[in-house]
Structures are given as C-alpha cells and as structure tokens.
C-alpha cells in the first residue's frame, strides 16, 4: 500500500470510447461534496460583481465569494489614488465584519473595537494597544485577494490555481472581435434560478448538445443540430450553435476561426462553474452556485451590446430553455440516487464536453 495514492473517484479513461461517466455517488455523497468545495472552488476564479457597482470616489463595496458555499466575506475599496483593492472584510483583531453595505469613506473602521485600516488594507490604528509587543505585525493588515476587471466584469480567486489570463484565454480566438467594451449590464433580464440537483449535473447537461432535439423544441427551431460543434481547450469547452437559414447570426471577420459559418451562439464553459453564452446581441453569463449536495442556484447575468437583437435567434427565450433544462436535470438527480444505477457511457460524437469535465473534476477531487 506504501506510496500508492488513494483514488476518491474512479479514473475517467482518457479515451472517450472506453470511458465510463462519473458514478452516481459522485453526485450524492456529502463527503465528496465537501471535498469539491475545498479542492474545486477555493482555487477557482469566480464572478464577484460589476465595475459599475464600485464606489466612484473613495469608499468600500462588500461582496461574498461563493455565497452559500464558501461565504467568504470580501470588500472592494477604492483609495485616494483611485486604485481598487479587494480585501478580506474581516477585522484582524477579533473577526468582526467590517462593512455590511457600500459606503463612501476615507478609511475602513471596525465598529466593534475601533480598529482602523487604510483603504489599501494597511493597519492604521487601534485604541488601547499600550503594552502589546511586536505590534503591529504583518497579520494585522487586511489580507488582499487576487481579482481582475474583465471588460467591466469583476472576478476573484482566494487561492488561484492558474492566473486569470490563463483562465480566460481559451475563449480569446473566438471572441476577440466582439464589442466587449460596449456591453451594458441589464438587470431587468438577469435572473436567479434554484434547482433541486447537484451542481455538477447542471454542468453535465450544459456541456452537450445531444439533448437539444429531445428537450428544447424552440431551440431546435433556431439551430441546425446536425452541425453542432464542440471544441475542447485547457480549462474549458466551447459548443458552437450553427443557425438554420433566416436566423440571426454573428457577423464574423476573416480573422475568426468560424469565418463563413452561420453562427447563432457560442456556448463557453470555464471550469468549474461559469458559462459565457455569446449571442449576436451580447452575453448571458451563467454562474452555478452549489448550495448543498442536492441544491444549486444559478445566476443569469445579462450584458447587452445590441438591444435590437435581444428577442431574436438562439438567445431569444432563455427562460424557457432554462425551464426545460431544469426539468431534465432534476429528473436525473432523482435517477442517479437509484441503488441500481452505477454509471453510464459517453457518446464519442456528442459528449466530448462532459467527458472533459469529468476528467478535470476527478483530477481536482483526487488531488493530494
């Protein structure tokens, strides 16, 4: 037994033609869910807000990293030089939450014992410190957190396993011509959905177009399912929806990998839980939040660059498509808990994305 590594999940064969899917226990085990929480989501990049939410002048804006899973309290601050910081929102004295709402301010002050910090997180002052040795020390400053502003969308990671540029780079060849800097957040079209299923089942469903003609009659009218394409890249998957004649499509330049194709939608997924769905009108970014082993929340964030196209094509009725997806995912949630279900097999033609995901997830969970 000596140097052998214990595999918590079975190995997913690299060859999709031989591989089995994840076993049912991967979606029903509480202990595996807890491992995923620490090994998958702590090092991940997550959306934490929009640039427009940040204070215009000096001040703070509190956010939660992975609410209802990690619940890590963070705080954006903007200092006197206009520089933005992302810091722990927990006082380094006794753990009090520093800010519960956005506010203009010139320093960060704890309401419990009066400890104060500069807006870059540097310890500034605390009453009654006479007699304290080696004070202040490095641990009295607010810890900083890695974050990036990507075309007005804010992303953060507590312990990044890759840098943000690497995380986002897989999408670049296809989206580099899109007017990303013209995107405007549309709160009226942004929604939150609750699903009674494991978060990975929701991702499984997203990562294949196999089910489209069986589950999505409306979407099938807009897409030529026979030409549906899947591309795998490091850290993610792209599914390309080709339009039927007469549907709204992207105007792609010659520099695009898909120049000449009638593309109705680009469905990107970046490990472990964020979907970037690009349509000719803009972006629907879906963030999947695990809440319990059989409870998931999904936030749809809508960013528009051409409002005249919003109700047309493959991105016209996202709510109806979501309702159809949720029904089948919740049905699978019930099914995988069967004592008689073990695991399935992948369709080599249609489920490359799911296979890619299962290999990535297994690698993280089995990491030692």
Protein backbone atom coordinates (compact mmCIF):
# COMPACT_ATOMS: atom_id res chain seq x y z
CA UNK A 1 0.00 0.00 0.00
CA UNK A 2 3.06 2.25 0.76
CA UNK A 3 3.31 5.01 -1.86
CA UNK A 4 0.05 4.38 -3.70
CA UNK A 5 -2.43 7.24 -3.91
CA UNK A 6 -5.98 6.57 -2.79
CA UNK A 7 -8.43 7.48 -5.55
CA UNK A 8 -11.59 9.00 -4.15
CA UNK A 9 -13.25 8.94 -7.57
CA UNK A 10 -12.50 6.32 -10.22
CA UNK A 11 -10.22 7.33 -13.06
CA UNK A 12 -12.00 8.57 -16.18
CA UNK A 13 -10.31 6.94 -19.16
CA UNK A 14 -8.61 9.42 -21.49
CA UNK A 15 -10.16 7.55 -24.42
CA UNK A 16 -13.80 8.59 -24.56
CA UNK A 17 -14.69 5.43 -26.49
CA UNK A 18 -13.68 3.35 -23.47
CA UNK A 19 -14.57 5.73 -20.65
CA UNK A 20 -17.34 5.47 -18.10
CA UNK A 21 -19.08 8.55 -16.72
CA UNK A 22 -18.81 9.58 -13.08
CA UNK A 23 -20.57 7.11 -10.78
CA UNK A 24 -23.81 8.03 -9.06
CA UNK A 25 -22.01 8.53 -5.73
CA UNK A 26 -20.13 11.50 -7.20
CA UNK A 27 -23.41 13.41 -7.16
CA UNK A 28 -24.91 12.09 -3.92
CA UNK A 29 -22.02 11.80 -1.44
CA UNK A 30 -21.86 14.52 1.23
CA UNK A 31 -18.16 13.87 1.81
CA UNK A 32 -17.38 14.24 -1.90
CA UNK A 33 -19.41 17.46 -1.99
CA UNK A 34 -17.26 18.81 0.85
CA UNK A 35 -14.08 17.82 -1.00
CA UNK A 36 -15.29 19.62 -4.11
CA UNK A 37 -15.96 22.70 -2.02
CA UNK A 38 -12.32 22.88 -0.91
CA UNK A 39 -10.45 21.40 -3.85
CA UNK A 40 -12.52 22.72 -6.75
CA UNK A 41 -13.98 26.06 -5.66
CA UNK A 42 -11.44 27.58 -3.25
CA UNK A 43 -8.79 27.81 -6.04
CA UNK A 44 -11.30 28.80 -8.74
CA UNK A 45 -11.98 32.17 -10.38
CA UNK A 46 -15.45 33.48 -9.65
CA UNK A 47 -17.58 36.43 -10.71
CA UNK A 48 -17.98 38.84 -7.77
CA UNK A 49 -19.69 41.87 -9.32
CA UNK A 50 -19.65 44.58 -11.96
CA UNK A 51 -17.35 47.55 -12.24
CA UNK A 52 -20.38 49.84 -12.12
CA UNK A 53 -21.02 48.68 -8.53
CA UNK A 54 -17.74 50.09 -7.25
CA UNK A 55 -17.65 53.47 -5.48
CA UNK A 56 -16.93 56.44 -7.74
CA UNK A 57 -14.81 58.16 -5.08
CA UNK A 58 -13.07 56.73 -2.04
CA UNK A 59 -15.16 54.07 -0.36
CA UNK A 60 -15.97 50.39 0.04
CA UNK A 61 -18.26 47.79 -1.55
CA UNK A 62 -18.72 44.42 0.25
CA UNK A 63 -19.15 41.16 -1.71
CA UNK A 64 -19.36 37.44 -0.90
CA UNK A 65 -17.13 34.90 -2.62
CA UNK A 66 -19.25 31.84 -3.49
CA UNK A 67 -22.31 32.73 -1.35
CA UNK A 68 -23.93 29.81 0.49
CA UNK A 69 -20.95 27.56 -0.27
CA UNK A 70 -17.76 29.28 0.89
CA UNK A 71 -19.40 32.50 2.13
CA UNK A 72 -16.06 34.30 2.18
CA UNK A 73 -16.63 37.98 3.12
CA UNK A 74 -14.64 40.33 0.88
CA UNK A 75 -14.59 44.06 0.36
CA UNK A 76 -13.70 46.19 -2.64
CA UNK A 77 -12.13 49.51 -1.72
CA UNK A 78 -11.05 52.49 -3.77
CA UNK A 79 -8.27 54.60 -2.30
CA UNK A 80 -7.32 58.28 -2.67
CA UNK A 81 -5.29 57.50 -5.79
CA UNK A 82 -8.27 55.86 -7.50
CA UNK A 83 -6.76 52.38 -7.15
CA UNK A 84 -9.15 49.50 -6.46
CA UNK A 85 -8.29 46.79 -3.94
CA UNK A 86 -10.01 43.55 -2.95
CA UNK A 87 -9.53 42.72 0.71
CA UNK A 88 -10.80 40.49 3.45
CA UNK A 89 -13.92 42.03 5.02
CA UNK A 90 -12.99 40.58 8.42
CA UNK A 91 -11.29 42.65 11.12
CA UNK A 92 -7.88 41.23 12.01
CA UNK A 93 -8.49 41.90 15.71
CA UNK A 94 -11.45 39.72 16.69
CA UNK A 95 -13.08 38.77 13.38
CA UNK A 96 -15.89 41.31 13.14
CA UNK A 97 -17.34 42.00 9.68
CA UNK A 98 -16.10 45.45 8.69
CA UNK A 99 -18.69 46.62 6.14
CA UNK A 100 -22.23 45.38 5.59
CA UNK A 101 -23.17 47.81 2.84
CA UNK A 102 -21.50 50.06 0.26
CA UNK A 103 -20.41 53.40 1.67
CA UNK A 104 -18.16 56.35 0.90
CA UNK A 105 -15.28 56.60 3.39
CA UNK A 106 -11.63 57.62 3.75
CA UNK A 107 -10.65 54.65 5.90
CA UNK A 108 -12.02 51.26 6.94
CA UNK A 109 -13.17 51.26 10.56
CA UNK A 110 -14.28 48.30 12.68
CA UNK A 111 -17.47 49.02 14.63
CA UNK A 112 -16.55 46.52 17.39
CA UNK A 113 -13.36 47.95 18.95
CA UNK A 114 -12.45 50.82 16.67
CA UNK A 115 -9.56 49.26 14.75
CA UNK A 116 -8.89 51.29 11.59
CA UNK A 117 -7.30 50.44 8.26
CA UNK A 118 -6.18 52.40 5.24
CA UNK A 119 -8.24 51.76 2.09
CA UNK A 120 -5.45 49.53 0.78
CA UNK A 121 -5.86 47.29 3.86
CA UNK A 122 -2.83 48.54 5.81
CA UNK A 123 -3.36 48.60 9.58
CA UNK A 124 -3.69 52.21 10.76
CA UNK A 125 -4.69 52.41 14.43
CA UNK A 126 -6.40 50.65 17.33
CA UNK A 127 -7.19 52.06 20.79
CA UNK A 128 -5.58 50.65 23.95
CA UNK A 129 -2.55 48.91 22.43
CA UNK A 130 -0.08 50.03 25.09
CA UNK A 131 1.98 47.08 26.30
CA UNK A 132 1.45 44.97 23.17
CA UNK A 133 4.72 43.51 21.88
CA UNK A 134 5.69 43.21 18.23
CA UNK A 135 2.67 45.24 17.21
CA UNK A 136 1.54 45.91 14.57
CA UNK A 137 2.77 42.94 12.56
CA UNK A 138 2.02 41.63 9.09
CA UNK A 139 -1.04 39.75 10.31
CA UNK A 140 -2.68 42.99 11.48
CA UNK A 141 -3.14 44.18 7.88
CA UNK A 142 -6.19 43.05 5.91
CA UNK A 143 -5.28 40.17 3.57
CA UNK A 144 -5.58 41.05 -0.11
CA UNK A 145 -7.32 38.81 -2.67
CA UNK A 146 -6.50 38.31 -6.35
CA UNK A 147 -9.00 39.98 -8.66
CA UNK A 148 -9.32 41.13 -12.28
CA UNK A 149 -11.58 43.53 -14.13
CA UNK A 150 -12.54 41.88 -17.44
CA UNK A 151 -14.45 44.34 -19.63
CA UNK A 152 -16.36 45.62 -16.59
CA UNK A 153 -16.95 42.19 -15.02
CA UNK A 154 -15.10 41.55 -11.76
CA UNK A 155 -13.57 38.15 -10.99
CA UNK A 156 -11.68 36.97 -7.90
CA UNK A 157 -9.89 33.90 -6.58
CA UNK A 158 -8.95 33.07 -2.98
CA UNK A 159 -6.08 30.72 -3.89
CA UNK A 160 -5.80 30.77 -7.70
CA UNK A 161 -4.51 27.56 -9.26
CA UNK A 162 -3.97 29.47 -12.53
CA UNK A 163 -3.70 33.18 -13.24
CA UNK A 164 -6.73 34.98 -14.64
CA UNK A 165 -5.20 35.43 -18.08
CA UNK A 166 -4.85 31.66 -18.37
CA UNK A 167 -8.36 31.12 -17.02
CA UNK A 168 -9.98 33.35 -19.65
CA UNK A 169 -7.62 32.76 -22.58
CA UNK A 170 -9.38 29.73 -24.03
CA UNK A 171 -12.21 31.95 -25.31
CA UNK A 172 -9.97 34.52 -27.00
CA UNK A 173 -9.71 33.12 -30.55
CA UNK A 174 -13.48 33.25 -30.98
CA UNK A 175 -14.44 36.44 -29.11
CA UNK A 176 -11.58 38.82 -29.89
CA UNK A 177 -13.69 40.70 -32.46
CA UNK A 178 -16.74 41.10 -30.19
CA UNK A 179 -17.55 44.62 -28.86
CA UNK A 180 -16.99 43.54 -25.25
CA UNK A 181 -16.24 47.06 -24.03
CA UNK A 182 -19.71 48.14 -25.21
CA UNK A 183 -21.53 45.61 -23.04
CA UNK A 184 -24.03 47.12 -20.63
CA UNK A 185 -25.42 45.21 -17.67
CA UNK A 186 -29.19 44.65 -17.96
CA UNK A 187 -30.61 43.91 -14.51
CA UNK A 188 -34.15 43.50 -15.92
CA UNK A 189 -33.02 40.47 -17.94
CA UNK A 190 -30.84 39.00 -15.20
CA UNK A 191 -32.44 36.24 -13.14
CA UNK A 192 -31.75 33.71 -10.38
CA UNK A 193 -32.89 30.08 -10.60
CA UNK A 194 -32.99 27.39 -7.90
CA UNK A 195 -32.56 23.76 -8.93
CA UNK A 196 -33.06 20.67 -6.79
CA UNK A 197 -29.99 18.89 -8.09
CA UNK A 198 -26.23 18.57 -7.70
CA UNK A 199 -24.27 21.40 -9.31
CA UNK A 200 -22.23 19.05 -11.50
CA UNK A 201 -25.38 17.58 -13.05
CA UNK A 202 -26.31 21.07 -14.19
CA UNK A 203 -22.87 21.42 -15.80
CA UNK A 204 -23.14 17.95 -17.38
CA UNK A 205 -26.36 18.98 -19.07
CA UNK A 206 -24.90 22.26 -20.33
CA UNK A 207 -21.84 20.55 -21.80
CA UNK A 208 -23.59 18.52 -24.51
CA UNK A 209 -25.94 19.32 -27.36
CA UNK A 210 -27.07 15.69 -27.53
CA UNK A 211 -30.28 16.50 -25.65
CA UNK A 212 -31.31 19.60 -27.64
CA UNK A 213 -33.72 17.92 -30.12
CA UNK A 214 -35.27 15.88 -27.30
CA UNK A 215 -35.61 18.61 -24.66
CA UNK A 216 -35.67 22.01 -26.43
CA UNK A 217 -38.24 22.24 -29.26
CA UNK A 218 -37.88 26.03 -29.50
CA UNK A 219 -34.10 25.99 -29.64
CA UNK A 220 -34.22 23.19 -32.20
CA UNK A 221 -36.14 25.54 -34.50
CA UNK A 222 -33.27 28.05 -34.39
CA UNK A 223 -30.25 25.71 -34.54
CA UNK A 224 -29.09 23.22 -37.15
CA UNK A 225 -28.38 20.47 -34.64
CA UNK A 226 -26.64 18.32 -37.27
CA UNK A 227 -23.91 20.98 -37.47
CA UNK A 228 -23.50 21.48 -33.70
CA UNK A 229 -19.78 21.64 -32.85
CA UNK A 230 -17.77 21.01 -29.68
CA UNK A 231 -14.22 22.29 -29.12
CA UNK A 232 -12.15 21.34 -26.08
CA UNK A 233 -9.42 23.55 -24.67
CA UNK A 234 -7.36 23.69 -21.48
CA UNK A 235 -9.75 24.62 -18.69
CA UNK A 236 -12.92 24.74 -20.73
CA UNK A 237 -15.28 23.79 -23.54
CA UNK A 238 -16.84 25.66 -26.45
CA UNK A 239 -20.06 24.50 -28.09
CA UNK A 240 -20.95 26.32 -31.30
CA UNK A 241 -24.57 26.58 -32.38
CA UNK A 242 -24.99 26.90 -36.15
CA UNK A 243 -28.15 28.70 -37.24
CA UNK A 244 -30.83 27.47 -39.57
CA UNK A 245 -31.42 29.69 -42.65
CA UNK A 246 -33.01 33.04 -41.85
CA UNK A 247 -31.97 33.15 -38.19
CA UNK A 248 -29.91 35.94 -36.61
CA UNK A 249 -26.17 35.21 -36.74
CA UNK A 250 -22.84 36.83 -35.89
CA UNK A 251 -21.08 38.96 -38.48
CA UNK A 252 -17.69 37.32 -38.20
CA UNK A 253 -14.48 38.84 -39.60
CA UNK A 254 -11.96 36.92 -41.68
CA UNK A 255 -9.75 36.61 -38.59
CA UNK A 256 -12.39 34.49 -36.85
CA UNK A 257 -11.89 30.68 -36.73
CA UNK A 258 -15.52 30.45 -37.87
CA UNK A 259 -15.44 32.97 -40.71
CA UNK A 260 -18.04 31.97 -43.28
CA UNK A 261 -20.15 29.95 -40.83
CA UNK A 262 -23.67 30.95 -39.81
CA UNK A 263 -23.04 31.01 -36.05
CA UNK A 264 -26.09 31.70 -33.88
CA UNK A 265 -24.46 31.20 -30.47
CA UNK A 266 -21.18 30.45 -28.74
CA UNK A 267 -21.63 28.46 -25.53
CA UNK A 268 -18.45 28.59 -23.45
CA UNK A 269 -17.94 26.82 -20.14
CA UNK A 270 -14.91 27.55 -17.96
CA UNK A 271 -14.04 25.13 -15.18
CA UNK A 272 -15.64 24.63 -12.81
CA UNK A 273 -18.94 26.52 -12.99
CA UNK A 274 -19.19 29.56 -15.27
CA UNK A 275 -20.94 29.65 -18.66
CA UNK A 276 -20.32 32.52 -21.08
CA UNK A 277 -23.10 32.36 -23.67
CA UNK A 278 -22.49 34.82 -26.50
CA UNK A 279 -25.28 35.78 -28.88
CA UNK A 280 -25.36 38.45 -31.59
CA UNK A 281 -26.97 40.78 -29.01
CA UNK A 282 -24.42 40.23 -26.21
CA UNK A 283 -23.59 37.91 -23.31
CA UNK A 284 -25.62 35.80 -20.91
CA UNK A 285 -23.18 34.71 -18.21
CA UNK A 286 -24.47 31.90 -16.01
CA UNK A 287 -22.78 31.28 -12.66
CA UNK A 288 -23.55 27.96 -10.96
CA UNK A 289 -23.52 28.11 -7.14
CA UNK A 290 -23.57 24.80 -5.22
CA UNK A 291 -25.62 25.19 -2.03
CA UNK A 292 -25.93 21.60 -0.85
CA UNK A 293 -25.32 18.18 -2.31
CA UNK A 294 -28.74 18.33 -4.00
CA UNK A 295 -29.35 22.10 -4.15
CA UNK A 296 -27.96 24.53 -6.72
CA UNK A 297 -28.53 28.19 -7.52
CA UNK A 298 -27.79 29.61 -10.96
CA UNK A 299 -27.49 33.34 -11.58
CA UNK A 300 -28.04 34.60 -15.13
CA UNK A 301 -26.24 37.91 -15.69
CA UNK A 302 -27.17 39.69 -18.91
CA UNK A 303 -24.87 42.10 -20.76
CA UNK A 304 -26.16 43.71 -23.96
CA UNK A 305 -24.30 45.40 -26.83
CA UNK A 306 -27.13 45.38 -29.42
CA UNK A 307 -30.60 45.66 -27.84
CA UNK A 308 -32.32 45.42 -31.24
CA UNK A 309 -31.40 41.72 -31.48
CA UNK A 310 -32.27 40.59 -27.96
CA UNK A 311 -35.52 38.80 -28.77
CA UNK A 312 -34.27 37.02 -31.86
CA UNK A 313 -32.48 33.77 -32.68
CA UNK A 314 -30.98 31.18 -30.35
CA UNK A 315 -30.79 33.67 -27.47
CA UNK A 316 -34.42 34.80 -27.71
CA UNK A 317 -36.13 32.82 -24.94
CA UNK A 318 -33.50 31.84 -22.41
CA UNK A 319 -36.07 31.43 -19.62
CA UNK A 320 -37.99 28.72 -21.49
CA UNK A 321 -34.77 26.89 -22.33
CA UNK A 322 -33.76 27.07 -18.65
CA UNK A 323 -37.10 25.62 -17.51
CA UNK A 324 -36.65 22.70 -19.90
CA UNK A 325 -33.08 22.13 -18.70
CA UNK A 326 -34.08 22.25 -15.04
CA UNK A 327 -36.82 19.66 -15.53
CA UNK A 328 -34.44 17.12 -17.05
CA UNK A 329 -31.61 17.85 -14.57
CA UNK A 330 -33.94 17.33 -11.62
CA UNK A 331 -35.13 14.08 -13.20
CA UNK A 332 -31.51 12.90 -13.46
CA UNK A 333 -30.91 13.96 -9.84
CA UNK A 334 -33.61 11.52 -8.78
CA UNK A 335 -32.29 8.82 -11.08
CA UNK A 336 -28.62 8.83 -10.06
CA UNK A 337 -29.63 8.15 -6.46
CA UNK A 338 -31.04 4.78 -7.51
CA UNK A 339 -29.32 1.83 -5.86
CA UNK A 340 -29.45 0.12 -9.24
CA UNK A 341 -27.64 2.87 -11.16
CA UNK A 342 -23.86 2.64 -11.41
CA UNK A 343 -22.52 4.84 -14.22
CA UNK A 344 -23.02 5.45 -17.93
CA UNK A 345 -21.02 5.68 -21.15
CA UNK A 346 -20.16 8.74 -23.24
CA UNK A 347 -21.26 9.30 -26.81
CA UNK A 348 -17.93 9.98 -28.57
CA UNK A 349 -19.71 12.18 -31.12
CA UNK A 350 -21.84 14.24 -28.75
CA UNK A 351 -20.45 14.17 -25.20
CA UNK A 352 -16.81 15.23 -25.52
CA UNK A 353 -17.51 18.24 -23.26
CA UNK A 354 -18.95 16.11 -20.45
CA UNK A 355 -16.00 13.72 -20.71
CA UNK A 356 -13.58 16.67 -20.50
CA UNK A 357 -15.39 17.99 -17.41
CA UNK A 358 -15.42 14.63 -15.66
CA UNK A 359 -11.68 14.22 -16.18
CA UNK A 360 -10.99 17.71 -14.82
CA UNK A 361 -13.29 17.26 -11.83
CA UNK A 362 -11.82 13.87 -10.97
CA UNK A 363 -8.28 15.26 -11.15
CA UNK A 364 -9.16 18.02 -8.65
CA UNK A 365 -11.06 15.81 -6.23
CA UNK A 366 -8.35 13.14 -6.22
CA UNK A 367 -5.55 15.66 -5.73
CA UNK A 368 -3.43 15.11 -2.61
